[in-house]
PDB file of N, CA and C in Angstrom:
ATOM      1  N   UNK A   1       0.838  -1.185   0.000  1.00  0.00           N
ATOM      2  CA  UNK A   1       0.000   0.000   0.000  1.00  0.00           C
ATOM      3  C   UNK A   1       0.882   1.246   0.000  1.00  0.00           C
ATOM      4  N   UNK A   2       0.630   2.126  -0.945  1.00  0.00           N
ATOM      5  CA  UNK A   2       1.388   3.371  -1.015  1.00  0.00           C
ATOM      6  C   UNK A   2       0.748   4.413  -0.121  1.00  0.00           C
ATOM      7  N   UNK A   3       1.583   5.125   0.596  1.00  0.00           N
ATOM      8  CA  UNK A   3       1.099   6.226   1.419  1.00  0.00           C
ATOM      9  C   UNK A   3       1.992   7.416   1.156  1.00  0.00           C
ATOM     10  N   UNK A   4       1.429   8.600   1.201  1.00  0.00           N
ATOM     11  CA  UNK A   4       2.278   9.774   1.003  1.00  0.00           C
ATOM     12  C   UNK A   4       3.279   9.895   2.143  1.00  0.00           C
ATOM     13  N   UNK A   5       4.501  10.213   1.792  1.00  0.00           N
ATOM     14  CA  UNK A   5       5.513  10.363   2.841  1.00  0.00           C
ATOM     15  C   UNK A   5       5.525  11.809   3.317  1.00  0.00           C
ATOM     16  N   UNK A   6       5.942  11.988   4.536  1.00  0.00           N
ATOM     17  CA  UNK A   6       6.039  13.361   5.018  1.00  0.00           C
ATOM     18  C   UNK A   6       7.361  13.959   4.549  1.00  0.00           C
ATOM     19  N   UNK A   7       7.537  15.228   4.790  1.00  0.00           N
ATOM     20  CA  UNK A   7       8.704  15.943   4.292  1.00  0.00           C
ATOM     21  C   UNK A   7      10.002  15.334   4.787  1.00  0.00           C
ATOM     22  N   UNK A   8      10.065  14.948   6.051  1.00  0.00           N
ATOM     23  CA  UNK A   8      11.309  14.430   6.596  1.00  0.00           C
ATOM     24  C   UNK A   8      11.690  13.104   5.954  1.00  0.00           C
ATOM     25  N   UNK A   9      10.719  12.240   5.710  1.00  0.00           N
ATOM     26  CA  UNK A   9      11.011  10.980   5.029  1.00  0.00           C
ATOM     27  C   UNK A   9      11.516  11.254   3.621  1.00  0.00           C
ATOM     28  N   UNK A  10      10.902  12.197   2.940  1.00  0.00           N
ATOM     29  CA  UNK A  10      11.312  12.515   1.579  1.00  0.00           C
ATOM     30  C   UNK A  10      12.742  13.042   1.547  1.00  0.00           C
ATOM     31  N   UNK A  11      13.084  13.893   2.497  1.00  0.00           N
ATOM     32  CA  UNK A  11      14.439  14.441   2.522  1.00  0.00           C
ATOM     33  C   UNK A  11      15.468  13.366   2.822  1.00  0.00           C
ATOM     34  N   UNK A  12      15.108  12.393   3.635  1.00  0.00           N
ATOM     35  CA  UNK A  12      16.052  11.339   3.986  1.00  0.00           C
ATOM     36  C   UNK A  12      16.343  10.395   2.834  1.00  0.00           C
ATOM     37  N   UNK A  13      15.528  10.386   1.791  1.00  0.00           N
ATOM     38  CA  UNK A  13      15.740   9.467   0.682  1.00  0.00           C
ATOM     39  C   UNK A  13      16.736   9.997  -0.334  1.00  0.00           C
ATOM     40  N   UNK A  14      17.141  11.258  -0.244  1.00  0.00           N
ATOM     41  CA  UNK A  14      18.085  11.804  -1.199  1.00  0.00           C
ATOM     42  C   UNK A  14      19.508  11.355  -0.839  1.00  0.00           C
ATOM     43  N   UNK A  15      20.322  11.078  -1.845  1.00  0.00           N
ATOM     44  CA  UNK A  15      21.678  10.623  -1.564  1.00  0.00           C
ATOM     45  C   UNK A  15      22.536  11.733  -0.974  1.00  0.00           C
ATOM     46  N   UNK A  16      23.548  11.342  -0.216  1.00  0.00           N
ATOM     47  CA  UNK A  16      24.513  12.321   0.288  1.00  0.00           C
ATOM     48  C   UNK A  16      25.393  12.745  -0.872  1.00  0.00           C
ATOM     49  N   UNK A  17      25.212  13.949  -1.326  1.00  0.00           N
ATOM     50  CA  UNK A  17      25.958  14.430  -2.480  1.00  0.00           C
ATOM     51  C   UNK A  17      26.708  15.726  -2.185  1.00  0.00           C
ATOM     52  N   UNK A  18      26.863  16.051  -0.921  1.00  0.00           N
ATOM     53  CA  UNK A  18      27.582  17.259  -0.562  1.00  0.00           C
ATOM     54  C   UNK A  18      26.725  18.508  -0.589  1.00  0.00           C
ATOM     55  N   UNK A  19      25.448  18.392  -0.890  1.00  0.00           N
ATOM     56  CA  UNK A  19      24.550  19.531  -0.925  1.00  0.00           C
ATOM     57  C   UNK A  19      23.990  19.832   0.450  1.00  0.00           C
ATOM     58  N   UNK A  20      23.801  21.106   0.717  1.00  0.00           N
ATOM     59  CA  UNK A  20      23.069  21.509   1.909  1.00  0.00           C
ATOM     60  C   UNK A  20      21.614  21.721   1.520  1.00  0.00           C
ATOM     61  N   UNK A  21      20.733  21.590   2.477  1.00  0.00           N
ATOM     62  CA  UNK A  21      19.308  21.824   2.236  1.00  0.00           C
ATOM     63  C   UNK A  21      18.918  23.155   2.853  1.00  0.00           C
ATOM     64  N   UNK A  22      18.058  23.902   2.142  1.00  0.00           N
ATOM     65  CA  UNK A  22      17.692  25.243   2.561  1.00  0.00           C
ATOM     66  C   UNK A  22      16.193  25.454   2.459  1.00  0.00           C
ATOM     67  N   UNK A  23      15.713  26.386   3.252  1.00  0.00           N
ATOM     68  CA  UNK A  23      14.350  26.905   3.118  1.00  0.00           C
ATOM     69  C   UNK A  23      14.494  28.375   2.777  1.00  0.00           C
ATOM     70  N   UNK A  24      13.826  28.788   1.708  1.00  0.00           N
ATOM     71  CA  UNK A  24      13.846  30.179   1.287  1.00  0.00           C
ATOM     72  C   UNK A  24      12.406  30.681   1.276  1.00  0.00           C
ATOM     73  N   UNK A  25      12.191  31.843   1.865  1.00  0.00           N
ATOM     74  CA  UNK A  25      10.866  32.453   1.867  1.00  0.00           C
ATOM     75  C   UNK A  25      10.919  33.662   0.939  1.00  0.00           C
ATOM     76  N   UNK A  26      10.007  33.676  -0.041  1.00  0.00           N
ATOM     77  CA  UNK A  26       9.942  34.758  -1.019  1.00  0.00           C
ATOM     78  C   UNK A  26       8.627  35.510  -0.887  1.00  0.00           C
ATOM     79  N   UNK A  27       8.665  36.797  -1.161  1.00  0.00           N
ATOM     80  CA  UNK A  27       7.454  37.580  -1.326  1.00  0.00           C
ATOM     81  C   UNK A  27       7.353  37.898  -2.812  1.00  0.00           C
ATOM     82  N   UNK A  28       6.181  37.645  -3.380  1.00  0.00           N
ATOM     83  CA  UNK A  28       6.002  37.780  -4.821  1.00  0.00           C
ATOM     84  C   UNK A  28       4.887  38.767  -5.131  1.00  0.00           C
ATOM     85  N   UNK A  29       4.908  39.305  -6.350  1.00  0.00           N
ATOM     86  CA  UNK A  29       3.871  40.231  -6.759  1.00  0.00           C
ATOM     87  C   UNK A  29       2.713  39.534  -7.451  1.00  0.00           C
ATOM     88  N   UNK A  30       3.010  38.567  -8.305  1.00  0.00           N
ATOM     89  CA  UNK A  30       1.978  37.855  -9.055  1.00  0.00           C
ATOM     90  C   UNK A  30       2.058  36.372  -8.718  1.00  0.00           C
ATOM     91  N   UNK A  31       1.197  35.925  -7.828  1.00  0.00           N
ATOM     92  CA  UNK A  31       1.241  34.552  -7.320  1.00  0.00           C
ATOM     93  C   UNK A  31       0.936  33.528  -8.411  1.00  0.00           C
ATOM     94  N   UNK A  32       0.243  33.933  -9.479  1.00  0.00           N
ATOM     95  CA  UNK A  32      -0.125  32.974 -10.528  1.00  0.00           C
ATOM     96  C   UNK A  32       1.062  32.577 -11.394  1.00  0.00           C
ATOM     97  N   UNK A  33       1.911  33.517 -11.733  1.00  0.00           N
ATOM     98  CA  UNK A  33       3.061  33.221 -12.598  1.00  0.00           C
ATOM     99  C   UNK A  33       4.314  32.855 -11.821  1.00  0.00           C
ATOM    100  N   UNK A  34       4.360  33.154 -10.550  1.00  0.00           N
ATOM    101  CA  UNK A  34       5.572  32.980  -9.753  1.00  0.00           C
ATOM    102  C   UNK A  34       6.099  31.543  -9.708  1.00  0.00           C
ATOM    103  N   UNK A  35       5.278  30.512  -9.458  1.00  0.00           N
ATOM    104  CA  UNK A  35       5.842  29.163  -9.353  1.00  0.00           C
ATOM    105  C   UNK A  35       6.605  28.715 -10.602  1.00  0.00           C
ATOM    106  N   UNK A  36       6.058  28.996 -11.765  1.00  0.00           N
ATOM    107  CA  UNK A  36       6.744  28.611 -13.010  1.00  0.00           C
ATOM    108  C   UNK A  36       8.069  29.359 -13.146  1.00  0.00           C
ATOM    109  N   UNK A  37       8.040  30.646 -12.870  1.00  0.00           N
ATOM    110  CA  UNK A  37       9.252  31.454 -12.977  1.00  0.00           C
ATOM    111  C   UNK A  37      10.302  31.014 -11.947  1.00  0.00           C
ATOM    112  N   UNK A  38       9.868  30.693 -10.737  1.00  0.00           N
ATOM    113  CA  UNK A  38      10.797  30.241  -9.696  1.00  0.00           C
ATOM    114  C   UNK A  38      11.479  28.950 -10.124  1.00  0.00           C
ATOM    115  N   UNK A  39      10.711  28.002 -10.673  1.00  0.00           N
ATOM    116  CA  UNK A  39      11.303  26.735 -11.137  1.00  0.00           C
ATOM    117  C   UNK A  39      12.371  26.980 -12.191  1.00  0.00           C
ATOM    118  N   UNK A  40      12.110  27.893 -13.116  1.00  0.00           N
ATOM    119  CA  UNK A  40      13.087  28.213 -14.151  1.00  0.00           C
ATOM    120  C   UNK A  40      14.347  28.834 -13.562  1.00  0.00           C
ATOM    121  N   UNK A  41      14.165  29.801 -12.680  1.00  0.00           N
ATOM    122  CA  UNK A  41      15.308  30.506 -12.082  1.00  0.00           C
ATOM    123  C   UNK A  41      16.169  29.543 -11.271  1.00  0.00           C
ATOM    124  N   UNK A  42      15.553  28.737 -10.419  1.00  0.00           N
ATOM    125  CA  UNK A  42      16.299  27.796  -9.576  1.00  0.00           C
ATOM    126  C   UNK A  42      17.026  26.775 -10.450  1.00  0.00           C
ATOM    127  N   UNK A  43      16.390  26.297 -11.501  1.00  0.00           N
ATOM    128  CA  UNK A  43      17.032  25.346 -12.406  1.00  0.00           C
ATOM    129  C   UNK A  43      18.247  25.929 -13.098  1.00  0.00           C
ATOM    130  N   UNK A  44      18.132  27.180 -13.569  1.00  0.00           N
ATOM    131  CA  UNK A  44      19.272  27.835 -14.222  1.00  0.00           C
ATOM    132  C   UNK A  44      20.424  28.075 -13.252  1.00  0.00           C
ATOM    133  N   UNK A  45      20.103  28.284 -11.977  1.00  0.00           N
ATOM    134  CA  UNK A  45      21.143  28.532 -10.963  1.00  0.00           C
ATOM    135  C   UNK A  45      21.679  27.214 -10.382  1.00  0.00           C
ATOM    136  N   UNK A  46      21.280  26.101 -10.954  1.00  0.00           N
ATOM    137  CA  UNK A  46      21.712  24.756 -10.554  1.00  0.00           C
ATOM    138  C   UNK A  46      21.290  24.381  -9.136  1.00  0.00           C
ATOM    139  N   UNK A  47      20.129  24.879  -8.738  1.00  0.00           N
ATOM    140  CA  UNK A  47      19.553  24.453  -7.464  1.00  0.00           C
ATOM    141  C   UNK A  47      18.645  23.258  -7.700  1.00  0.00           C
ATOM    142  N   UNK A  48      18.381  22.526  -6.649  1.00  0.00           N
ATOM    143  CA  UNK A  48      17.529  21.338  -6.725  1.00  0.00           C
ATOM    144  C   UNK A  48      16.250  21.628  -5.937  1.00  0.00           C
ATOM    145  N   UNK A  49      15.217  22.133  -6.635  1.00  0.00           N
ATOM    146  CA  UNK A  49      13.965  22.492  -5.986  1.00  0.00           C
ATOM    147  C   UNK A  49      13.230  21.222  -5.586  1.00  0.00           C
ATOM    148  N   UNK A  50      12.993  21.072  -4.297  1.00  0.00           N
ATOM    149  CA  UNK A  50      12.354  19.863  -3.781  1.00  0.00           C
ATOM    150  C   UNK A  50      10.913  20.096  -3.376  1.00  0.00           C
ATOM    151  N   UNK A  51      10.587  21.340  -3.025  1.00  0.00           N
ATOM    152  CA  UNK A  51       9.218  21.628  -2.605  1.00  0.00           C
ATOM    153  C   UNK A  51       8.954  23.124  -2.748  1.00  0.00           C
ATOM    154  N   UNK A  52       7.785  23.457  -3.253  1.00  0.00           N
ATOM    155  CA  UNK A  52       7.353  24.838  -3.395  1.00  0.00           C
ATOM    156  C   UNK A  52       5.955  24.924  -2.801  1.00  0.00           C
ATOM    157  N   UNK A  53       5.800  25.777  -1.793  1.00  0.00           N
ATOM    158  CA  UNK A  53       4.515  25.919  -1.114  1.00  0.00           C
ATOM    159  C   UNK A  53       4.040  27.353  -1.272  1.00  0.00           C
ATOM    160  N   UNK A  54       2.855  27.495  -1.843  1.00  0.00           N
ATOM    161  CA  UNK A  54       2.302  28.833  -2.039  1.00  0.00           C
ATOM    162  C   UNK A  54       1.728  29.377  -0.749  1.00  0.00           C
ATOM    163  N   UNK A  55       1.459  30.671  -0.737  1.00  0.00           N
ATOM    164  CA  UNK A  55       1.042  31.398   0.450  1.00  0.00           C
ATOM    165  C   UNK A  55      -0.189  30.874   1.166  1.00  0.00           C
ATOM    166  N   UNK A  56      -0.395  31.444   2.325  1.00  0.00           N
ATOM    167  CA  UNK A  56      -1.541  31.112   3.167  1.00  0.00           C
ATOM    168  C   UNK A  56      -2.536  32.263   3.126  1.00  0.00           C
ATOM    169  N   UNK A  57      -3.633  32.112   3.812  1.00  0.00           N
ATOM    170  CA  UNK A  57      -4.612  33.211   3.855  1.00  0.00           C
ATOM    171  C   UNK A  57      -4.011  34.468   4.467  1.00  0.00           C
ATOM    172  N   UNK A  58      -3.212  34.276   5.509  1.00  0.00           N
ATOM    173  CA  UNK A  58      -2.625  35.443   6.185  1.00  0.00           C
ATOM    174  C   UNK A  58      -1.541  36.096   5.347  1.00  0.00           C
ATOM    175  N   UNK A  59      -0.833  35.303   4.538  1.00  0.00           N
ATOM    176  CA  UNK A  59       0.243  35.851   3.713  1.00  0.00           C
ATOM    177  C   UNK A  59       0.148  35.256   2.306  1.00  0.00           C
ATOM    178  N   UNK A  60      -0.827  35.726   1.531  1.00  0.00           N
ATOM    179  CA  UNK A  60      -1.085  35.105   0.232  1.00  0.00           C
ATOM    180  C   UNK A  60       0.000  35.333  -0.813  1.00  0.00           C
ATOM    181  N   UNK A  61       0.811  36.342  -0.660  1.00  0.00           N
ATOM    182  CA  UNK A  61       1.856  36.621  -1.646  1.00  0.00           C
ATOM    183  C   UNK A  61       3.226  36.119  -1.196  1.00  0.00           C
ATOM    184  N   UNK A  62       3.241  35.064  -0.405  1.00  0.00           N
ATOM    185  CA  UNK A  62       4.480  34.477   0.098  1.00  0.00           C
ATOM    186  C   UNK A  62       4.608  33.054  -0.433  1.00  0.00           C
ATOM    187  N   UNK A  63       5.804  32.699  -0.854  1.00  0.00           N
ATOM    188  CA  UNK A  63       6.090  31.348  -1.319  1.00  0.00           C
ATOM    189  C   UNK A  63       7.274  30.816  -0.536  1.00  0.00           C
ATOM    190  N   UNK A  64       7.156  29.581  -0.104  1.00  0.00           N
ATOM    191  CA  UNK A  64       8.224  28.922   0.646  1.00  0.00           C
ATOM    192  C   UNK A  64       8.842  27.835  -0.234  1.00  0.00           C
ATOM    193  N   UNK A  65      10.161  27.836  -0.308  1.00  0.00           N
ATOM    194  CA  UNK A  65      10.888  26.852  -1.107  1.00  0.00           C
ATOM    195  C   UNK A  65      11.728  25.973  -0.198  1.00  0.00           C
ATOM    196  N   UNK A  66      11.832  24.710  -0.530  1.00  0.00           N
ATOM    197  CA  UNK A  66      12.816  23.810   0.078  1.00  0.00           C
ATOM    198  C   UNK A  66      13.685  23.368  -1.075  1.00  0.00           C
ATOM    199  N   UNK A  67      14.973  23.558  -0.943  1.00  0.00           N
ATOM    200  CA  UNK A  67      15.847  23.182  -2.042  1.00  0.00           C
ATOM    201  C   UNK A  67      17.225  22.783  -1.562  1.00  0.00           C
ATOM    202  N   UNK A  68      17.910  22.085  -2.417  1.00  0.00           N
ATOM    203  CA  UNK A  68      19.291  21.712  -2.180  1.00  0.00           C
ATOM    204  C   UNK A  68      20.162  22.518  -3.128  1.00  0.00           C
ATOM    205  N   UNK A  69      21.312  22.916  -2.660  1.00  0.00           N
ATOM    206  CA  UNK A  69      22.220  23.676  -3.509  1.00  0.00           C
ATOM    207  C   UNK A  69      23.615  23.648  -2.912  1.00  0.00           C
ATOM    208  N   UNK A  70      24.593  23.512  -3.770  1.00  0.00           N
ATOM    209  CA  UNK A  70      25.976  23.619  -3.305  1.00  0.00           C
ATOM    210  C   UNK A  70      26.353  25.090  -3.113  1.00  0.00           C
ATOM    211  N   UNK A  71      25.783  25.953  -3.939  1.00  0.00           N
ATOM    212  CA  UNK A  71      26.090  27.384  -3.887  1.00  0.00           C
ATOM    213  C   UNK A  71      24.788  28.167  -3.739  1.00  0.00           C
ATOM    214  N   UNK A  72      24.315  28.272  -2.529  1.00  0.00           N
ATOM    215  CA  UNK A  72      23.032  28.930  -2.277  1.00  0.00           C
ATOM    216  C   UNK A  72      23.075  30.404  -2.665  1.00  0.00           C
ATOM    217  N   UNK A  73      24.244  31.024  -2.560  1.00  0.00           N
ATOM    218  CA  UNK A  73      24.368  32.436  -2.942  1.00  0.00           C
ATOM    219  C   UNK A  73      23.972  32.654  -4.395  1.00  0.00           C
ATOM    220  N   UNK A  74      24.343  31.710  -5.281  1.00  0.00           N
ATOM    221  CA  UNK A  74      23.993  31.835  -6.694  1.00  0.00           C
ATOM    222  C   UNK A  74      22.477  31.772  -6.890  1.00  0.00           C
ATOM    223  N   UNK A  75      21.818  30.894  -6.142  1.00  0.00           N
ATOM    224  CA  UNK A  75      20.364  30.745  -6.258  1.00  0.00           C
ATOM    225  C   UNK A  75      19.670  32.007  -5.745  1.00  0.00           C
ATOM    226  N   UNK A  76      20.099  32.505  -4.592  1.00  0.00           N
ATOM    227  CA  UNK A  76      19.482  33.709  -4.014  1.00  0.00           C
ATOM    228  C   UNK A  76      19.694  34.908  -4.932  1.00  0.00           C
ATOM    229  N   UNK A  77      20.886  35.060  -5.466  1.00  0.00           N
ATOM    230  CA  UNK A  77      21.172  36.168  -6.379  1.00  0.00           C
ATOM    231  C   UNK A  77      20.296  36.084  -7.627  1.00  0.00           C
ATOM    232  N   UNK A  78      20.127  34.882  -8.161  1.00  0.00           N
ATOM    233  CA  UNK A  78      19.283  34.693  -9.354  1.00  0.00           C
ATOM    234  C   UNK A  78      17.824  35.023  -9.055  1.00  0.00           C
ATOM    235  N   UNK A  79      17.332  34.622  -7.887  1.00  0.00           N
ATOM    236  CA  UNK A  79      15.946  34.932  -7.511  1.00  0.00           C
ATOM    237  C   UNK A  79      15.749  36.442  -7.365  1.00  0.00           C
ATOM    238  N   UNK A  80      16.707  37.102  -6.728  1.00  0.00           N
ATOM    239  CA  UNK A  80      16.617  38.562  -6.573  1.00  0.00           C
ATOM    240  C   UNK A  80      16.700  39.256  -7.926  1.00  0.00           C
ATOM    241  N   UNK A  81      17.566  38.778  -8.808  1.00  0.00           N
ATOM    242  CA  UNK A  81      17.696  39.371 -10.136  1.00  0.00           C
ATOM    243  C   UNK A  81      16.414  39.205 -10.949  1.00  0.00           C
ATOM    244  N   UNK A  82      15.656  38.136 -10.670  1.00  0.00           N
ATOM    245  CA  UNK A  82      14.388  37.896 -11.360  1.00  0.00           C
ATOM    246  C   UNK A  82      13.246  38.722 -10.769  1.00  0.00           C
ATOM    247  N   UNK A  83      13.538  39.496  -9.717  1.00  0.00           N
ATOM    248  CA  UNK A  83      12.535  40.388  -9.152  1.00  0.00           C
ATOM    249  C   UNK A  83      11.834  39.882  -7.906  1.00  0.00           C
ATOM    250  N   UNK A  84      12.283  38.757  -7.360  1.00  0.00           N
ATOM    251  CA  UNK A  84      11.662  38.240  -6.136  1.00  0.00           C
ATOM    252  C   UNK A  84      12.307  38.885  -4.915  1.00  0.00           C
ATOM    253  N   UNK A  85      11.498  39.123  -3.893  1.00  0.00           N
ATOM    254  CA  UNK A  85      11.970  39.670  -2.627  1.00  0.00           C
ATOM    255  C   UNK A  85      12.261  38.492  -1.697  1.00  0.00           C
ATOM    256  N   UNK A  86      13.537  38.237  -1.434  1.00  0.00           N
ATOM    257  CA  UNK A  86      13.937  37.117  -0.577  1.00  0.00           C
ATOM    258  C   UNK A  86      13.832  37.576   0.869  1.00  0.00           C
ATOM    259  N   UNK A  87      12.870  36.988   1.590  1.00  0.00           N
ATOM    260  CA  UNK A  87      12.627  37.381   2.971  1.00  0.00           C
ATOM    261  C   UNK A  87      13.481  36.646   3.974  1.00  0.00           C
ATOM    262  N   UNK A  88      13.827  35.383   3.674  1.00  0.00           N
ATOM    263  CA  UNK A  88      14.623  34.582   4.608  1.00  0.00           C
ATOM    264  C   UNK A  88      15.289  33.427   3.878  1.00  0.00           C
ATOM    265  N   UNK A  89      16.482  33.080   4.348  1.00  0.00           N
ATOM    266  CA  UNK A  89      17.197  31.894   3.886  1.00  0.00           C
ATOM    267  C   UNK A  89      17.675  31.170   5.130  1.00  0.00           C
ATOM    268  N   UNK A  90      17.254  29.918   5.278  1.00  0.00           N
ATOM    269  CA  UNK A  90      17.611  29.137   6.463  1.00  0.00           C
ATOM    270  C   UNK A  90      18.198  27.809   6.022  1.00  0.00           C
ATOM    271  N   UNK A  91      19.379  27.470   6.546  1.00  0.00           N
ATOM    272  CA  UNK A  91      19.949  26.158   6.292  1.00  0.00           C
ATOM    273  C   UNK A  91      19.230  25.166   7.195  1.00  0.00           C
ATOM    274  N   UNK A  92      18.546  24.186   6.597  1.00  0.00           N
ATOM    275  CA  UNK A  92      17.760  23.258   7.400  1.00  0.00           C
ATOM    276  C   UNK A  92      18.539  22.009   7.778  1.00  0.00           C
ATOM    277  N   UNK A  93      19.467  21.601   6.939  1.00  0.00           N
ATOM    278  CA  UNK A  93      20.320  20.476   7.282  1.00  0.00           C
ATOM    279  C   UNK A  93      21.494  20.462   6.326  1.00  0.00           C
ATOM    280  N   UNK A  94      22.667  20.213   6.859  1.00  0.00           N
ATOM    281  CA  UNK A  94      23.852  20.169   6.024  1.00  0.00           C
ATOM    282  C   UNK A  94      24.207  18.722   5.741  1.00  0.00           C
ATOM    283  N   UNK A  95      24.478  18.461   4.495  1.00  0.00           N
ATOM    284  CA  UNK A  95      24.872  17.116   4.085  1.00  0.00           C
ATOM    285  C   UNK A  95      26.375  16.933   4.293  1.00  0.00           C
ATOM    286  N   UNK A  96      26.774  15.717   4.519  1.00  0.00           N
ATOM    287  CA  UNK A  96      28.195  15.409   4.661  1.00  0.00           C
ATOM    288  C   UNK A  96      28.872  15.595   3.314  1.00  0.00           C
ATOM    289  N   UNK A  97      30.072  16.093   3.328  1.00  0.00           N
ATOM    290  CA  UNK A  97      30.817  16.311   2.089  1.00  0.00           C
ATOM    291  C   UNK A  97      31.227  14.976   1.480  1.00  0.00           C
ATOM    292  N   UNK A  98      31.204  14.914   0.171  1.00  0.00           N
ATOM    293  CA  UNK A  98      31.618  13.710  -0.538  1.00  0.00           C
ATOM    294  C   UNK A  98      33.124  13.741  -0.690  1.00  0.00           C
ATOM    295  N   UNK A  99      33.814  12.662  -0.299  1.00  0.00           N
ATOM    296  CA  UNK A  99      35.270  12.662  -0.441  1.00  0.00           C
ATOM    297  C   UNK A  99      35.682  12.700  -1.898  1.00  0.00           C
ATOM    298  N   UNK A 100      36.784  13.401  -2.174  1.00  0.00           N
ATOM    299  CA  UNK A 100      37.297  13.511  -3.562  1.00  0.00           C
ATOM    300  C   UNK A 100      38.021  12.259  -3.981  1.00  0.00           C
TER     301      UNK A 100
END
């Protein structure tokens, strides 16, 4: 029987690849077009978008991202350059480095 896994189970299934995991909170102007644009921006910046959650009733123009990235600065810079207001960046768990 298949059951939906929770976020923590999903994160534990990813291989240790030296990536850190982050949560980014964005404030957006147009909530309808934002998810597609965010996916494009994160992909071009070589981030690994794992979850995108749109706003709540209290904060409808806010989007929360969970992603993996070796260079989070590149992803944040790309999001800001695309016109998104980055409200917070939090490292949620650091992966062990892969030996060379």
